[in-house]
Amino acid sequence: MGPKLLVISLNYRTAAMTLRSVRAALREMQGLNAELIVVDNDSGDGSFETMQAALAAEPWARGAPVRLIQAGRNGGFGAGNNVGIRAGWSDGSRPDYVYILNSDAFPDPGALSALLDHLESHPATGFAGSYIHGEDGIPHLTAFRFPSVWSEFEGAARFGPFSRMLKRKIVPIGIPQTRERVDWLAGASMMMRQSVLDEIGLFDETFFLYFEETDLCLRAARAGHEVHYIRDSEVTHIGSVSTGMKTWARVPGFWLDSRWHYFTKSHGRAYAAMATLAHVAGGLTWRLRRLVQRKPPADPPRFLRDLLFHDLKALLRPLPAQREARSGHTGALGTQAE
């Protein structure tokens, strides 16, 4: 029968798009020992009922190995996918691999089998991700280095000489043309070894949106597992349909929360503060160039101010253990980085 594969599609108020993605995934699951779970992330807009009716009535869904479950709450991207991972196979068994697929992503022919074949033949690989392109064929940046103090400065400064000096610190690594080991991958199309998840844990649900894949891949790397970009696995992706990122008038608080949590959890509060100062320094460099060269804005309004004040408040908050001590309680939160 081959290895067991669990495919997870997470929906939030994009029922029609999710069904289109599910149909593409089911096509690519043919011949594989695979099941698919659609998790509705407490959309509250009738999405669950719409998908339930479609999966019961559509000819392409009849008899297909697909289930629809309700998350019960919208805890974000990681929490929603965790619901599907914990659900496992319909017979209660655990899969060998878990594949997460965005609701606005559509696997091209051979996309799933290319990831599965790679993981089967490369036991050191914990996670594998796809080459992702838009409906217009333009490739998306989905392979990255881990963020650092230097990458924060370089990304905010947007200045060629700095970028050339710090080229090995730039987070996006471009579009690999072959299979390549990377630090982390975007979660729009990523296959994960279940045994690695058993070892390092699932997505950290402190992240509502953004940085959750970065954190998961970092934990895998620190445990000795590799992350690979698989060029032969191609997926069409629209992007930002659920999050609305393309239309942000201002960076939302959950993005700032996620960024701060990532740096503090992985490197500590002092490092997180240094990363913020580096970003501010780079941002001020960019704004000076804007004034001199009359360049258009590149950040959402008030971004630098929002970042600085958000992280200053976070830095001054007591650590969880200190808050517990002041209130006379101790518990699991006392060991969680913030």
Protein backbone atom coordinates (compact mmCIF):
# COMPACT_ATOMS: atom_id res chain seq x y z
CA MET A 1 0.00 0.00 0.00
CA GLY A 2 2.89 2.36 0.53
CA PRO A 3 3.47 4.90 3.32
CA LYS A 4 0.46 6.57 4.92
CA LEU A 5 0.01 10.21 3.95
CA LEU A 6 -2.36 12.65 5.66
CA VAL A 7 -3.23 15.76 3.65
CA ILE A 8 -4.59 18.76 5.55
CA SER A 9 -6.44 21.69 3.99
CA LEU A 10 -7.23 24.56 6.36
CA ASN A 11 -10.21 26.74 5.54
CA TYR A 12 -11.10 30.17 6.87
CA ARG A 13 -13.96 31.85 5.02
CA THR A 14 -12.79 30.67 1.59
CA ALA A 15 -15.14 27.73 1.02
CA ALA A 16 -15.20 27.86 -2.80
CA MET A 17 -11.41 28.27 -2.99
CA THR A 18 -10.83 25.47 -0.49
CA LEU A 19 -13.05 23.08 -2.47
CA ARG A 20 -11.08 23.90 -5.61
CA SER A 21 -7.84 23.16 -3.75
CA VAL A 22 -9.25 19.94 -2.30
CA ARG A 23 -10.30 18.75 -5.73
CA ALA A 24 -6.76 19.31 -7.05
CA ALA A 25 -5.27 17.54 -4.02
CA LEU A 26 -7.56 14.52 -4.41
CA ARG A 27 -6.50 14.23 -8.04
CA GLU A 28 -2.84 14.10 -6.97
CA MET A 29 -3.61 11.62 -4.18
CA GLN A 30 -4.73 8.97 -6.66
CA GLY A 31 -2.41 5.99 -6.45
CA LEU A 32 -1.10 7.08 -3.04
CA ASN A 33 -2.07 5.63 0.33
CA ALA A 34 -3.53 8.96 1.41
CA GLU A 35 -6.44 10.59 3.18
CA LEU A 36 -7.46 14.26 3.28
CA ILE A 37 -8.89 16.29 6.15
CA VAL A 38 -10.49 19.67 5.60
CA VAL A 39 -10.37 21.71 8.82
CA ASP A 40 -12.74 24.64 9.06
CA ASN A 41 -11.07 27.18 11.34
CA ASP A 42 -14.35 28.35 12.91
CA SER A 43 -15.19 30.52 9.88
CA GLY A 44 -18.66 31.41 11.18
CA ASP A 45 -19.80 32.47 7.70
CA GLY A 46 -21.45 29.28 6.51
CA SER A 47 -18.22 27.85 5.08
CA PHE A 48 -18.57 24.60 7.00
CA GLU A 49 -22.11 23.98 5.78
CA THR A 50 -21.20 24.93 2.19
CA MET A 51 -18.27 22.51 2.11
CA GLN A 52 -20.28 19.80 3.88
CA ALA A 53 -22.99 20.00 1.21
CA ALA A 54 -20.47 20.02 -1.63
CA LEU A 55 -18.50 17.04 -0.33
CA ALA A 56 -21.75 15.09 0.01
CA ALA A 57 -23.12 15.99 -3.43
CA GLU A 58 -20.27 16.66 -5.87
CA PRO A 59 -19.43 13.67 -8.11
CA TRP A 60 -15.68 14.19 -7.63
CA ALA A 61 -16.08 13.89 -3.83
CA ARG A 62 -18.24 10.76 -3.70
CA GLY A 63 -16.26 7.91 -2.22
CA ALA A 64 -13.13 10.06 -1.96
CA PRO A 65 -10.93 9.68 1.14
CA VAL A 66 -11.85 13.10 2.50
CA ARG A 67 -13.30 14.26 5.83
CA LEU A 68 -14.50 17.65 7.02
CA ILE A 69 -14.02 18.64 10.66
CA GLN A 70 -14.62 21.80 12.64
CA ALA A 71 -11.76 23.29 14.65
CA GLY A 72 -14.17 24.84 17.16
CA ARG A 73 -12.12 28.03 17.39
CA ASN A 74 -9.94 30.16 15.16
CA GLY A 75 -6.55 29.79 16.80
CA GLY A 76 -4.67 30.71 13.64
CA PHE A 77 -2.72 28.80 11.00
CA GLY A 78 -0.69 26.56 13.29
CA ALA A 79 -3.55 25.73 15.64
CA GLY A 80 -5.86 24.86 12.76
CA ASN A 81 -3.33 22.54 11.15
CA ASN A 82 -2.66 20.96 14.55
CA VAL A 83 -6.35 20.01 14.73
CA GLY A 84 -5.96 18.06 11.51
CA ILE A 85 -2.65 16.48 12.53
CA ARG A 86 -4.07 15.32 15.85
CA ALA A 87 -7.13 13.86 14.13
CA GLY A 88 -4.93 11.42 12.20
CA TRP A 89 -6.33 8.81 9.86
CA SER A 90 -10.01 7.88 9.84
CA ASP A 91 -9.25 4.48 11.43
CA GLY A 92 -7.47 6.16 14.34
CA SER A 93 -3.97 5.27 13.17
CA ARG A 94 -1.12 7.68 12.65
CA PRO A 95 0.25 8.55 9.21
CA ASP A 96 3.88 8.34 8.18
CA TYR A 97 3.77 11.79 6.62
CA VAL A 98 1.65 14.94 6.94
CA TYR A 99 1.17 17.33 4.03
CA ILE A 100 -0.21 20.80 4.69
CA LEU A 101 -1.72 22.67 1.75
CA ASN A 102 -3.06 26.21 1.75
CA SER A 103 -6.69 26.66 0.76
CA ASP A 104 -5.54 28.90 -2.11
CA ALA A 105 -2.90 26.45 -3.37
CA PHE A 106 -3.39 23.84 -6.09
CA PRO A 107 -0.91 20.99 -6.61
CA ASP A 108 0.28 20.59 -10.18
CA PRO A 109 0.62 17.06 -11.61
CA GLY A 110 3.10 14.99 -9.63
CA ALA A 111 3.52 17.55 -6.83
CA LEU A 112 2.63 15.28 -3.91
CA SER A 113 4.41 12.18 -5.21
CA ALA A 114 7.62 14.19 -5.76
CA LEU A 115 7.66 15.28 -2.10
CA LEU A 116 6.75 11.82 -0.85
CA ASP A 117 9.38 10.09 -2.99
CA HIS A 118 12.04 12.48 -1.75
CA LEU A 119 11.20 11.93 1.90
CA GLU A 120 11.10 8.17 1.40
CA SER A 121 14.55 8.14 -0.22
CA HIS A 122 16.21 10.73 2.05
CA PRO A 123 15.76 9.71 5.71
CA ALA A 124 17.73 12.73 6.98
CA THR A 125 15.07 15.04 5.55
CA GLY A 126 12.38 16.00 8.03
CA PHE A 127 10.39 18.45 5.91
CA ALA A 128 10.12 18.98 2.14
CA GLY A 129 8.44 21.84 0.30
CA SER A 130 7.41 22.72 -3.22
CA TYR A 131 8.35 25.18 -5.94
CA ILE A 132 5.41 27.57 -5.82
CA HIS A 133 4.24 29.88 -8.59
CA GLY A 134 1.30 32.16 -9.20
CA GLU A 135 -1.50 31.58 -11.67
CA ASP A 136 0.50 33.81 -14.02
CA GLY A 137 3.45 31.42 -13.81
CA ILE A 138 5.65 33.84 -11.86
CA PRO A 139 7.57 31.99 -9.10
CA HIS A 140 7.01 32.91 -5.46
CA LEU A 141 9.76 33.26 -2.89
CA THR A 142 9.20 30.36 -0.49
CA ALA A 143 12.72 29.23 0.49
CA PHE A 144 14.48 31.14 3.25
CA ARG A 145 17.31 31.49 5.75
CA PHE A 146 16.50 31.93 9.41
CA PRO A 147 15.99 35.58 10.49
CA SER A 148 18.79 37.23 12.44
CA VAL A 149 19.90 40.62 13.72
CA TRP A 150 21.79 41.18 10.47
CA SER A 151 18.89 40.14 8.27
CA GLU A 152 16.63 42.56 10.13
CA PHE A 153 19.00 45.42 9.36
CA GLU A 154 19.53 44.42 5.72
CA GLY A 155 15.85 43.90 5.00
CA ALA A 156 14.86 47.25 6.46
CA ALA A 157 17.73 49.25 4.93
CA ARG A 158 17.09 48.14 1.33
CA PHE A 159 20.53 49.39 0.27
CA GLY A 160 22.61 47.56 -2.34
CA PRO A 161 26.05 47.90 -0.67
CA PHE A 162 24.66 46.58 2.65
CA SER A 163 22.87 43.72 0.86
CA ARG A 164 26.06 42.70 -0.92
CA MET A 165 28.02 42.69 2.35
CA LEU A 166 25.31 40.71 4.11
CA LYS A 167 24.31 38.44 1.22
CA ARG A 168 24.67 35.31 3.37
CA LYS A 169 22.25 36.77 5.93
CA ILE A 170 19.43 37.79 3.57
CA VAL A 171 16.32 35.79 4.50
CA PRO A 172 14.91 35.04 0.99
CA ILE A 173 17.39 32.87 -0.89
CA GLY A 174 15.84 33.31 -4.33
CA ILE A 175 14.36 30.52 -6.41
CA PRO A 176 16.43 27.33 -6.24
CA GLN A 177 16.64 25.65 -9.63
CA THR A 178 17.32 22.18 -8.24
CA ARG A 179 16.66 20.31 -5.02
CA GLU A 180 18.31 22.31 -2.25
CA ARG A 181 18.68 22.25 1.51
CA VAL A 182 17.26 25.43 3.07
CA ASP A 183 16.60 26.75 6.56
CA TRP A 184 12.83 27.03 6.31
CA LEU A 185 9.98 26.89 3.84
CA ALA A 186 6.63 28.61 3.46
CA GLY A 187 3.81 26.39 4.66
CA ALA A 188 1.64 26.72 1.55
CA SER A 189 2.82 23.28 0.41
CA MET A 190 4.98 21.36 2.85
CA MET A 191 5.25 17.65 3.66
CA MET A 192 6.48 16.65 7.10
CA ARG A 193 7.70 13.38 8.55
CA GLN A 194 5.35 12.36 11.39
CA SER A 195 8.22 10.93 13.43
CA VAL A 196 9.89 14.36 13.39
CA LEU A 197 6.68 16.00 14.60
CA ASP A 198 6.49 13.38 17.35
CA GLU A 199 10.01 14.35 18.39
CA ILE A 200 9.85 18.16 18.23
CA GLY A 201 6.15 18.81 18.71
CA LEU A 202 3.52 20.37 16.47
CA PHE A 203 3.08 24.02 15.51
CA ASP A 204 3.49 26.43 18.41
CA GLU A 205 -0.02 27.84 18.85
CA THR A 206 1.29 31.04 20.41
CA PHE A 207 1.77 32.17 16.81
CA PHE A 208 -1.57 33.22 15.34
CA LEU A 209 -0.23 33.91 11.85
CA TYR A 210 3.31 34.18 10.47
CA PHE A 211 6.62 32.79 11.79
CA GLU A 212 5.04 29.48 12.79
CA GLU A 213 6.71 27.61 9.91
CA THR A 214 10.00 29.37 10.71
CA ASP A 215 9.82 28.20 14.31
CA LEU A 216 8.87 24.64 13.36
CA CYS A 217 11.73 24.35 10.87
CA LEU A 218 14.18 25.81 13.39
CA ARG A 219 13.16 23.23 15.98
CA ALA A 220 13.60 20.50 13.36
CA ALA A 221 17.06 21.81 12.41
CA ARG A 222 18.15 21.98 16.05
CA ALA A 223 17.06 18.35 16.43
CA GLY A 224 19.26 17.37 13.47
CA HIS A 225 16.66 17.13 10.70
CA GLU A 226 17.07 18.71 7.27
CA VAL A 227 14.58 20.86 5.35
CA HIS A 228 14.63 20.50 1.56
CA TYR A 229 13.19 22.54 -1.29
CA ILE A 230 12.02 20.19 -4.06
CA ARG A 231 12.00 21.89 -7.44
CA ASP A 232 10.19 19.00 -9.14
CA SER A 233 7.14 19.50 -6.92
CA GLU A 234 5.19 22.42 -8.40
CA VAL A 235 2.15 24.10 -6.86
CA THR A 236 0.02 26.98 -8.11
CA HIS A 237 -0.67 29.51 -5.35
CA ILE A 238 -2.78 32.65 -5.29
CA GLY A 239 -1.58 33.96 -1.90
CA SER A 240 -2.98 36.03 0.98
CA VAL A 241 -6.60 35.11 0.27
CA SER A 242 -7.46 34.34 3.93
CA THR A 243 -5.10 36.83 5.58
CA GLY A 244 -5.73 39.87 3.40
CA MET A 245 -2.02 40.73 3.62
CA LYS A 246 -1.97 42.36 0.19
CA THR A 247 -4.48 44.96 1.35
CA TRP A 248 -3.05 45.76 4.80
CA ALA A 249 -3.25 49.48 5.51
CA ARG A 250 -1.24 48.89 8.67
CA VAL A 251 0.72 45.91 9.99
CA PRO A 252 -1.61 44.07 12.40
CA GLY A 253 -0.71 43.35 15.98
CA PHE A 254 -0.65 39.57 15.44
CA TRP A 255 2.27 39.95 12.98
CA LEU A 256 4.20 42.02 15.52
CA ASP A 257 3.33 39.51 18.25
CA SER A 258 4.56 36.60 16.11
CA ARG A 259 7.82 38.28 15.20
CA TRP A 260 8.61 39.11 18.83
CA HIS A 261 7.68 35.62 20.00
CA TYR A 262 9.89 34.02 17.37
CA PHE A 263 12.99 35.97 18.35
CA THR A 264 12.46 35.66 22.10
CA LYS A 265 11.63 31.96 21.95
CA SER A 266 14.54 31.03 19.69
CA HIS A 267 17.22 33.47 20.88
CA GLY A 268 16.08 35.22 24.08
CA ARG A 269 14.75 38.67 24.92
CA ALA A 270 18.10 40.46 24.65
CA TYR A 271 18.60 39.14 21.12
CA ALA A 272 15.02 40.07 20.21
CA ALA A 273 15.65 43.63 21.39
CA MET A 274 18.85 43.77 19.31
CA ALA A 275 16.92 42.53 16.26
CA THR A 276 14.37 45.30 16.72
CA LEU A 277 17.06 47.96 17.11
CA ALA A 278 18.75 46.63 13.97
CA HIS A 279 15.47 46.87 12.09
CA VAL A 280 14.88 50.40 13.30
CA ALA A 281 18.43 51.41 12.29
CA GLY A 282 17.92 49.91 8.85
CA GLY A 283 14.51 51.51 8.55
CA LEU A 284 15.88 54.96 9.41
CA THR A 285 18.60 54.46 6.78
CA TRP A 286 15.93 53.69 4.22
CA ARG A 287 13.83 56.71 5.22
CA LEU A 288 16.82 59.01 4.87
CA ARG A 289 17.39 57.68 1.34
CA ARG A 290 13.71 58.23 0.60
CA LEU A 291 14.00 61.88 1.52
CA VAL A 292 17.14 62.41 -0.53
CA GLN A 293 16.15 60.36 -3.57
CA ARG A 294 12.39 60.95 -3.35
CA LYS A 295 11.55 57.27 -3.36
CA PRO A 296 7.99 56.03 -2.72
CA PRO A 297 7.09 54.40 0.64
CA ALA A 298 7.91 50.70 0.98
CA ASP A 299 6.36 49.93 4.38
CA PRO A 300 2.77 50.23 5.60
CA PRO A 301 2.03 53.53 7.38
CA ARG A 302 3.56 53.92 10.84
CA PHE A 303 5.25 50.53 10.61
CA LEU A 304 8.54 51.52 12.24
CA ARG A 305 6.78 53.32 15.07
CA ASP A 306 4.39 50.40 15.63
CA LEU A 307 7.29 47.94 15.69
CA LEU A 308 9.34 49.97 18.15
CA PHE A 309 6.52 50.65 20.61
CA HIS A 310 5.15 47.11 20.40
CA ASP A 311 8.52 45.53 21.15
CA LEU A 312 9.39 48.04 23.86
CA LYS A 313 6.18 47.17 25.69
CA ALA A 314 6.85 43.45 25.20
CA LEU A 315 10.41 43.84 26.51
CA LEU A 316 9.22 45.63 29.65
CA ARG A 317 6.54 43.03 30.44
CA PRO A 318 7.53 40.60 33.20
CA LEU A 319 8.43 37.10 32.08
CA PRO A 320 5.66 34.52 32.61
CA ALA A 321 7.46 33.00 35.61
CA GLN A 322 7.73 36.43 37.21
CA ARG A 323 4.02 37.10 36.63
CA GLU A 324 3.15 33.71 38.11
CA ALA A 325 5.29 34.43 41.19
CA ARG A 326 3.65 37.83 41.71
CA SER A 327 0.18 36.27 41.55
CA GLY A 328 1.17 33.32 43.73
CA HIS A 329 0.77 30.70 40.97
CA THR A 330 3.16 28.39 39.16
CA GLY A 331 2.39 26.24 36.14
CA ALA A 332 3.32 25.19 32.66
CA LEU A 333 3.42 28.76 31.39
CA GLY A 334 6.28 29.50 33.72
CA THR A 335 8.72 27.80 31.37
CA GLN A 336 7.43 29.25 28.11
CA ALA A 337 9.53 31.92 26.41
CA GLU A 338 7.66 35.09 25.48
